[in-house]
Amino acid sequence: MSFISLFRHQKRFLNYKVVYKGPFDYKRDHTKAYKYPFGINKSAIEEEMNQINELRQHELKQVSPFHLVWRHKDIYDMAWHERYVLSHLGLHQKEPNLRVVLPNTPHFNDLLWKVKHLIQLMPIAFPDGVPTDRDVGSVKLNTNTGVMNVNPNYKVSNERLDSAKSHDIFYGRYLREYLKWSSGLFGKSLPVSPVIDLDGTHIEKYKRKMQNAHKHRHHFYNN
């Protein structure tokens, strides 16, 4: 095969477009099931459209003020304007199926409509009523069913929160030095040299020293 014939063959292959022509009316006049291209059943489409129109005519009595939204498609190979909208909605992370709560307002509904093919939406139900500022800490949202419950038993007491807090002295340089000396691999606790303070008094001395320095530094910066 010469170069010219090969070029003509490739040109014909690239220009050729496969066009599927379904059973039109002029091909199948004896049947009423298929009246559109690609074998679409007109009666089935009419039934589905009638159901959709009936749902649209229903009046919404109890409208949820919030939506539970998540993205079910990968962000890879996505248009820039879709990523821009998803960034405003908080759905631009790489991991899909991350739940986000959005208010049911015209602004957010307009943004959701632009990326409706990428997301799934569920209205949040409030069986115990919409939570207020007093219910902060006693609210639990079920991300699978979309039900938000308000129960005072969920709230953590202030005593437990205070007990869970660690002192600022256990951060930064002091934490590194404390772990260094308590590991037994540095200074007086090296395996090669004899251990002088078997009871760990050098650790307590260094702890008191760093606590005093920490208090002095905070007193100096705060005043």
Protein backbone atom coordinates (compact mmCIF):
# COMPACT_ATOMS: atom_id res chain seq x y z
CA MET A 1 0.00 0.00 0.00
CA SER A 2 1.46 3.30 -1.08
CA PHE A 3 1.62 6.41 1.06
CA ILE A 4 -1.13 8.16 -0.93
CA SER A 5 -3.55 5.25 -0.63
CA LEU A 6 -2.77 4.94 3.11
CA PHE A 7 -3.39 8.66 3.54
CA ARG A 8 -6.71 8.38 1.72
CA HIS A 9 -7.68 5.41 3.86
CA GLN A 10 -6.89 7.26 7.09
CA LYS A 11 -8.71 10.33 5.86
CA ARG A 12 -11.83 8.33 5.05
CA PHE A 13 -11.60 6.59 8.44
CA LEU A 14 -11.35 9.87 10.34
CA ASN A 15 -14.09 11.61 8.39
CA TYR A 16 -16.51 8.71 8.56
CA LYS A 17 -19.11 9.17 11.32
CA VAL A 18 -21.32 6.32 12.39
CA VAL A 19 -24.89 7.61 12.45
CA TYR A 20 -27.50 5.34 13.97
CA LYS A 21 -30.98 5.84 12.60
CA GLY A 22 -33.62 4.20 14.73
CA PRO A 23 -37.01 2.89 13.68
CA PHE A 24 -38.75 6.01 12.38
CA ASP A 25 -42.41 6.28 11.47
CA TYR A 26 -41.77 5.76 7.78
CA LYS A 27 -39.95 2.47 8.55
CA ARG A 28 -42.42 0.97 11.00
CA ASP A 29 -45.92 2.17 10.32
CA HIS A 30 -47.51 -1.02 11.58
CA THR A 31 -46.41 -0.57 15.19
CA LYS A 32 -47.30 2.13 17.72
CA ALA A 33 -44.72 1.25 20.36
CA TYR A 34 -41.76 2.92 18.66
CA LYS A 35 -42.33 6.33 17.13
CA TYR A 36 -38.98 7.97 17.96
CA PRO A 37 -35.35 7.30 17.07
CA PHE A 38 -33.26 4.78 19.02
CA GLY A 39 -36.30 2.69 19.89
CA ILE A 40 -37.73 4.97 22.59
CA ASN A 41 -41.13 3.99 23.89
CA LYS A 42 -43.35 7.05 23.78
CA SER A 43 -45.94 5.69 26.21
CA ALA A 44 -43.29 5.01 28.88
CA ILE A 45 -41.94 8.55 28.52
CA GLU A 46 -45.42 10.01 28.85
CA GLU A 47 -46.05 8.01 32.03
CA GLU A 48 -42.79 9.20 33.61
CA MET A 49 -43.49 12.81 32.68
CA ASN A 50 -46.99 12.57 34.15
CA GLN A 51 -45.53 11.31 37.42
CA ILE A 52 -43.00 14.15 37.47
CA ASN A 53 -45.71 16.73 36.81
CA GLU A 54 -47.82 15.31 39.65
CA LEU A 55 -44.89 15.61 42.04
CA ARG A 56 -44.26 19.18 40.96
CA GLN A 57 -47.87 20.14 41.63
CA HIS A 58 -47.70 18.99 45.26
CA GLU A 59 -47.45 21.79 47.79
CA LEU A 60 -44.43 21.67 50.09
CA LYS A 61 -45.77 22.14 53.59
CA GLN A 62 -42.67 21.29 55.65
CA VAL A 63 -39.54 22.55 53.93
CA SER A 64 -36.23 21.77 55.60
CA PRO A 65 -34.08 24.86 56.22
CA PHE A 66 -30.87 22.89 55.59
CA HIS A 67 -29.53 20.40 53.06
CA LEU A 68 -27.11 17.54 53.55
CA VAL A 69 -24.98 17.52 50.39
CA TRP A 70 -22.12 15.30 49.24
CA ARG A 71 -20.21 14.82 46.00
CA HIS A 72 -20.41 11.32 44.55
CA LYS A 73 -18.13 11.87 41.53
CA ASP A 74 -14.37 12.19 41.34
CA ILE A 75 -12.93 15.66 41.00
CA TYR A 76 -10.39 14.40 38.45
CA ASP A 77 -10.91 15.67 34.90
CA MET A 78 -13.52 18.21 35.98
CA ALA A 79 -14.15 21.59 34.38
CA TRP A 80 -12.72 24.64 36.10
CA HIS A 81 -16.09 26.34 36.55
CA GLU A 82 -17.46 23.23 38.26
CA ARG A 83 -14.50 23.18 40.64
CA TYR A 84 -15.06 26.86 41.31
CA VAL A 85 -18.66 26.22 42.34
CA LEU A 86 -17.67 23.20 44.43
CA SER A 87 -15.07 25.29 46.27
CA HIS A 88 -17.83 27.71 47.30
CA LEU A 89 -19.92 24.79 48.54
CA GLY A 90 -17.05 23.16 50.43
CA LEU A 91 -17.06 20.05 48.22
CA HIS A 92 -13.69 20.55 46.51
CA GLN A 93 -11.79 17.92 48.52
CA LYS A 94 -10.23 14.96 46.74
CA GLU A 95 -12.16 12.45 48.85
CA PRO A 96 -15.77 11.99 47.67
CA ASN A 97 -18.82 11.39 49.86
CA LEU A 98 -17.85 14.03 52.42
CA ARG A 99 -21.03 15.45 53.96
CA VAL A 100 -21.61 19.21 54.05
CA VAL A 101 -24.55 21.07 55.60
CA LEU A 102 -25.81 23.98 53.49
CA PRO A 103 -28.73 26.36 54.09
CA ASN A 104 -31.82 26.12 51.90
CA THR A 105 -31.58 29.59 50.38
CA PRO A 106 -31.90 30.80 46.76
CA HIS A 107 -28.18 31.59 46.59
CA PHE A 108 -27.01 28.11 47.56
CA ASN A 109 -29.79 26.43 45.58
CA ASP A 110 -28.57 28.23 42.46
CA LEU A 111 -25.04 26.95 43.07
CA LEU A 112 -26.31 23.42 43.69
CA TRP A 113 -28.28 23.50 40.45
CA LYS A 114 -25.09 24.22 38.49
CA VAL A 115 -23.40 21.06 39.79
CA LYS A 116 -26.49 18.87 40.20
CA HIS A 117 -24.90 16.12 38.08
CA LEU A 118 -21.99 15.82 40.51
CA ILE A 119 -23.72 15.85 43.89
CA GLN A 120 -26.45 14.18 45.88
CA LEU A 121 -28.75 16.02 48.25
CA MET A 122 -30.86 15.07 51.25
CA PRO A 123 -33.08 17.38 53.33
CA ILE A 124 -32.22 17.38 57.03
CA ALA A 125 -35.05 16.39 59.35
CA PHE A 126 -35.42 17.96 62.81
CA PRO A 127 -37.66 15.70 64.95
CA ASP A 128 -36.67 17.65 68.09
CA GLY A 129 -36.94 21.06 66.45
CA VAL A 130 -34.31 23.32 64.93
CA PRO A 131 -31.40 23.67 67.40
CA THR A 132 -30.63 27.06 68.94
CA ASP A 133 -27.59 28.60 70.60
CA ARG A 134 -28.45 26.87 73.85
CA ASP A 135 -28.23 23.47 72.17
CA VAL A 136 -24.58 23.86 71.16
CA GLY A 137 -22.77 20.65 72.05
CA SER A 138 -25.94 18.55 72.40
CA VAL A 139 -26.67 18.07 68.69
CA LYS A 140 -26.00 14.91 66.70
CA LEU A 141 -26.46 14.54 62.94
CA ASN A 142 -26.85 11.14 61.31
CA THR A 143 -25.13 11.50 57.94
CA ASN A 144 -26.81 8.37 56.55
CA THR A 145 -30.44 9.22 57.30
CA GLY A 146 -30.20 13.03 57.51
CA VAL A 147 -31.86 13.21 60.95
CA MET A 148 -30.56 15.76 63.48
CA ASN A 149 -31.37 14.94 67.09
CA VAL A 150 -31.07 17.29 70.06
CA ASN A 151 -30.32 15.48 73.31
CA PRO A 152 -28.84 17.09 76.46
CA ASN A 153 -27.05 13.82 77.21
CA TYR A 154 -24.76 14.44 74.25
CA LYS A 155 -23.36 17.57 75.86
CA VAL A 156 -20.01 17.23 77.61
CA SER A 157 -19.76 18.88 81.02
CA ASN A 158 -17.29 21.68 81.65
CA GLU A 159 -15.53 19.60 84.30
CA ARG A 160 -14.67 16.90 81.76
CA LEU A 161 -13.50 19.51 79.29
CA ASP A 162 -11.23 21.14 81.88
CA SER A 163 -9.81 17.79 82.92
CA ALA A 164 -9.06 16.89 79.30
CA LYS A 165 -7.05 20.06 78.75
CA SER A 166 -3.30 19.66 79.11
CA HIS A 167 -1.05 22.40 80.38
CA ASP A 168 0.78 24.53 77.85
CA ILE A 169 4.06 23.35 79.34
CA PHE A 170 3.69 20.03 77.48
CA TYR A 171 4.08 21.67 74.07
CA GLY A 172 7.11 22.67 72.07
CA ARG A 173 10.59 22.66 73.52
CA TYR A 174 9.70 21.32 76.95
CA LEU A 175 7.95 18.28 75.47
CA ARG A 176 10.98 17.47 73.33
CA GLU A 177 13.36 17.83 76.26
CA TYR A 178 11.13 15.86 78.61
CA LEU A 179 10.85 12.97 76.19
CA LYS A 180 14.59 13.17 75.61
CA TRP A 181 15.49 12.82 79.27
CA SER A 182 12.75 10.33 80.13
CA SER A 183 13.73 7.97 77.30
CA GLY A 184 16.94 6.97 79.11
CA LEU A 185 19.09 7.33 75.97
CA PHE A 186 20.70 10.71 76.67
CA GLY A 187 22.72 12.36 79.44
CA LYS A 188 22.96 10.51 82.73
CA SER A 189 20.78 7.66 81.57
CA LEU A 190 23.05 6.48 78.74
CA PRO A 191 23.58 2.71 78.77
CA VAL A 192 27.36 3.18 78.52
CA SER A 193 27.71 5.45 81.60
CA PRO A 194 26.53 4.53 85.09
CA VAL A 195 23.15 5.86 86.14
CA ILE A 196 23.51 8.25 89.09
CA ASP A 197 19.88 9.25 89.67
CA LEU A 198 18.02 5.99 89.67
CA ASP A 199 14.84 7.60 90.93
CA GLY A 200 14.71 10.11 88.08
CA THR A 201 15.34 13.25 90.15
CA HIS A 202 17.11 14.92 87.21
CA ILE A 203 13.84 14.77 85.28
CA GLU A 204 11.93 16.45 88.09
CA LYS A 205 14.59 19.15 88.42
CA TYR A 206 14.44 19.92 84.72
CA LYS A 207 10.66 19.93 84.87
CA ARG A 208 10.62 22.55 87.64
CA LYS A 209 13.20 24.61 85.78
CA MET A 210 11.19 24.67 82.57
CA GLN A 211 7.94 25.43 84.42
CA ASN A 212 9.50 28.48 86.05
CA ALA A 213 10.86 29.67 82.71
CA HIS A 214 7.48 29.14 81.09
CA LYS A 215 5.66 31.14 83.78
CA HIS A 216 8.21 33.95 83.60
CA ARG A 217 7.94 34.13 79.80
CA HIS A 218 4.13 34.30 79.89
CA HIS A 219 4.22 36.92 82.65
CA PHE A 220 6.66 39.01 80.62
CA TYR A 221 4.64 38.90 77.37
CA ASN A 222 1.24 39.37 78.99
CA ASN A 223 2.32 42.41 81.00
